């Protein structure tokens, strides 16, 4: 399954909505996503599975790439 992850790049900074980035990760579960991203110093805000029409919509965006972790 593909998950969309909303995060802040620096864990030590207070989260600011305008600085939120997102990435896409293929994983078995939300816990698996967290495990795969644990080595990065990201402040994970929200992780959501995407599929169906939502996935098709996201794939139309030019910056859509699934991270290979």
Foldseek 3Di string as FASTA:
>chain_A
DKKKWWWAQALPDDDDVVRIDIAIEDDDDPVRVCVVCVVGRIGTDDMDDDDDPRVVVLVPDPPHDYDDD
